Structure formats: C-alpha cells, structure tokens
C-alpha cells in the first residue's frame, strides 16, 4: 500500500528528509543554511526580496521578487549582487537559480548568468531554465 498526501504533512516530510540525511543523500538544515535579503517598503511590508540556500560551495536562489511598482529601479540586480556577495563571503564559488520567465532569463544573462539546463515547454510555451554564475 502507498499513501498519497497532498499537501504532505510536515511531520512526514521531516521524517523522510531525516532518513535521507542519515543515509548521506540529503543535507540537514545546519549543513544548508538559508538566507533572506529584503528591500523594506514605506508601509512596513517588503518591496522586494531574495531567498536562497547554501550547500557545499554553491549558493542557490530559490525565490526572487520585486513589486511591480518598483520594477525598473535596479532592485532585482541589487538583490542578486547582494546575494552574490553574501555567498562569496561564505566560500561559494557559484550561484545558481531557475526561471520560467523569458524576460527574467534575459536580465540574468545580462548580469553574467549562463544557461546550464532547460526543460522545454514547462509552462505552456515557456521553458524552465537553470542558470549559473561563476563567482570570482
């Protein structure tokens, strides 16, 4: 019998992850620290942010967002640069991210990120694109 959980209960997710970590197939939270960079807005909420993780010598951006009314001000670029500086200070040699937004892919490419993988037609006609930047 196989049980299906949608959404999965947190305790079972944690148990599965713990088994994998003990087997050396997953990292524990202390081995993969998370970071969060935010741009505070005038009303106490955030106007942009970048969340990621560090594993081994690699940083990963899992979420990056800038509010629609602040786009075009360079906040996304500044958030990425801050993430690059942070992970570099933590000993990382590269930073990677994913996008399914063709406009974001072009922006990341201008900032020095290169494609290392692509899932075609992931979201309708949009690809899911994996990008990386080697840090010096």
Protein backbone atom coordinates (compact mmCIF):
# COMPACT_ATOMS: atom_id res chain seq x y z
CA UNK A 1 0.00 0.00 0.00
CA UNK A 2 1.18 3.52 -0.81
CA UNK A 3 -0.40 6.53 0.90
CA UNK A 4 -0.80 9.76 -1.06
CA UNK A 5 -0.58 13.12 0.77
CA UNK A 6 -1.49 16.37 -0.99
CA UNK A 7 -0.47 18.53 0.72
CA UNK A 8 2.07 16.44 2.61
CA UNK A 9 2.03 16.59 6.42
CA UNK A 10 5.10 18.39 7.75
CA UNK A 11 5.98 15.60 10.17
CA UNK A 12 6.14 13.00 7.40
CA UNK A 13 8.20 15.32 5.18
CA UNK A 14 10.64 15.84 8.06
CA UNK A 15 10.81 12.08 8.72
CA UNK A 16 11.55 11.33 5.06
CA UNK A 17 14.22 14.03 4.96
CA UNK A 18 15.80 12.73 8.19
CA UNK A 19 16.08 9.22 6.71
CA UNK A 20 17.77 10.63 3.60
CA UNK A 21 20.15 12.78 5.68
CA UNK A 22 21.19 9.77 7.79
CA UNK A 23 21.87 7.87 4.56
CA UNK A 24 24.04 10.73 3.31
CA UNK A 25 21.63 11.56 0.48
CA UNK A 26 20.34 14.91 1.81
CA UNK A 27 21.71 17.79 3.82
CA UNK A 28 20.45 18.79 7.23
CA UNK A 29 19.31 22.36 7.88
CA UNK A 30 22.62 23.26 9.55
CA UNK A 31 24.50 21.93 6.51
CA UNK A 32 22.39 24.04 4.12
CA UNK A 33 21.78 27.43 5.73
CA UNK A 34 19.10 29.67 4.27
CA UNK A 35 19.40 33.40 3.70
CA UNK A 36 16.89 36.15 3.07
CA UNK A 37 17.55 39.61 1.65
CA UNK A 38 14.72 42.17 1.69
CA UNK A 39 14.01 45.67 0.44
CA UNK A 40 11.77 47.35 3.01
CA UNK A 41 8.80 49.31 1.72
CA UNK A 42 7.49 52.53 3.24
CA UNK A 43 4.48 50.80 4.81
CA UNK A 44 6.41 48.11 6.70
CA UNK A 45 5.99 45.40 4.05
CA UNK A 46 8.69 44.45 1.59
CA UNK A 47 9.08 45.87 -1.91
CA UNK A 48 11.44 43.08 -2.95
CA UNK A 49 13.28 40.10 -1.66
CA UNK A 50 15.62 37.25 -2.40
CA UNK A 51 15.64 33.90 -0.58
CA UNK A 52 18.22 31.20 -1.02
CA UNK A 53 20.32 28.43 0.41
CA UNK A 54 23.97 27.50 0.57
CA UNK A 55 25.19 23.94 0.07
CA UNK A 56 28.83 22.94 -0.20
CA UNK A 57 30.45 25.71 -2.28
CA UNK A 58 27.30 26.72 -4.13
CA UNK A 59 24.62 29.29 -3.46
CA UNK A 60 21.09 28.86 -4.77
CA UNK A 61 18.42 31.50 -5.29
CA UNK A 62 15.07 29.80 -4.71
CA UNK A 63 12.93 32.96 -4.77
CA UNK A 64 13.43 36.49 -6.07
CA UNK A 65 10.68 39.08 -6.31
CA UNK A 66 10.33 42.84 -6.85
CA UNK A 67 6.98 44.60 -6.55
CA UNK A 68 5.50 45.80 -9.84
CA UNK A 69 5.66 49.47 -8.82
CA UNK A 70 9.40 49.22 -8.05
CA UNK A 71 10.49 47.33 -11.18
CA UNK A 72 12.90 49.20 -13.40
CA UNK A 73 14.77 50.72 -10.43
CA UNK A 74 17.51 48.08 -10.39
CA UNK A 75 16.28 46.37 -7.20
CA UNK A 76 16.46 42.89 -8.73
CA UNK A 77 20.04 43.49 -9.85
CA UNK A 78 20.96 44.86 -6.43
CA UNK A 79 19.36 41.87 -4.69
CA UNK A 80 21.30 39.45 -6.92
CA UNK A 81 24.55 41.34 -6.34
CA UNK A 82 23.95 41.26 -2.58
CA UNK A 83 23.27 37.51 -2.77
CA UNK A 84 26.45 37.01 -4.80
CA UNK A 85 28.47 38.97 -2.23
CA UNK A 86 26.92 37.03 0.65
CA UNK A 87 27.52 33.56 -0.77
CA UNK A 88 31.02 34.54 -1.90
CA UNK A 89 31.79 35.55 1.72
CA UNK A 90 30.54 32.11 2.78
CA UNK A 91 33.05 30.42 0.48
CA UNK A 92 30.81 29.74 -2.51
CA UNK A 93 32.27 29.52 -6.00
CA UNK A 94 28.98 29.83 -7.86
CA UNK A 95 25.36 30.94 -7.58
CA UNK A 96 22.52 29.30 -9.47
CA UNK A 97 18.83 29.97 -9.99
CA UNK A 98 15.87 28.91 -12.10
CA UNK A 99 13.28 30.87 -14.04
CA UNK A 100 10.38 30.25 -16.37
CA UNK A 101 10.11 33.92 -17.28
CA UNK A 102 11.81 34.78 -20.61
CA UNK A 103 12.26 38.42 -19.56
CA UNK A 104 13.96 37.37 -16.33
CA UNK A 105 16.18 34.96 -18.27
CA UNK A 106 17.37 37.87 -20.43
CA UNK A 107 18.05 40.02 -17.36
CA UNK A 108 20.00 37.24 -15.64
CA UNK A 109 22.04 36.69 -18.83
CA UNK A 110 22.96 40.39 -18.90
CA UNK A 111 24.15 40.00 -15.29
CA UNK A 112 26.52 37.17 -16.21
CA UNK A 113 24.35 34.08 -15.66
CA UNK A 114 24.56 31.30 -18.24
CA UNK A 115 22.11 28.52 -19.00
CA UNK A 116 23.16 25.04 -17.89
CA UNK A 117 19.84 23.27 -18.34
CA UNK A 118 16.42 23.74 -19.87
CA UNK A 119 13.08 21.92 -19.56
CA UNK A 120 11.20 22.79 -22.74
CA UNK A 121 7.52 23.76 -22.65
CA UNK A 122 7.42 23.58 -18.86
CA UNK A 123 4.69 26.22 -18.52
CA UNK A 124 2.80 26.20 -21.79
CA UNK A 125 5.28 27.64 -24.26
CA UNK A 126 7.73 28.77 -21.55
CA UNK A 127 10.82 26.76 -20.66
CA UNK A 128 12.08 26.16 -17.13
CA UNK A 129 15.64 27.47 -17.34
CA UNK A 130 18.50 26.66 -14.98
CA UNK A 131 21.20 29.35 -14.86
CA UNK A 132 24.52 29.72 -13.04
CA UNK A 133 27.11 32.39 -12.46
CA UNK A 134 30.69 31.51 -11.53
CA UNK A 135 31.89 33.83 -8.76
CA UNK A 136 35.46 35.09 -8.64
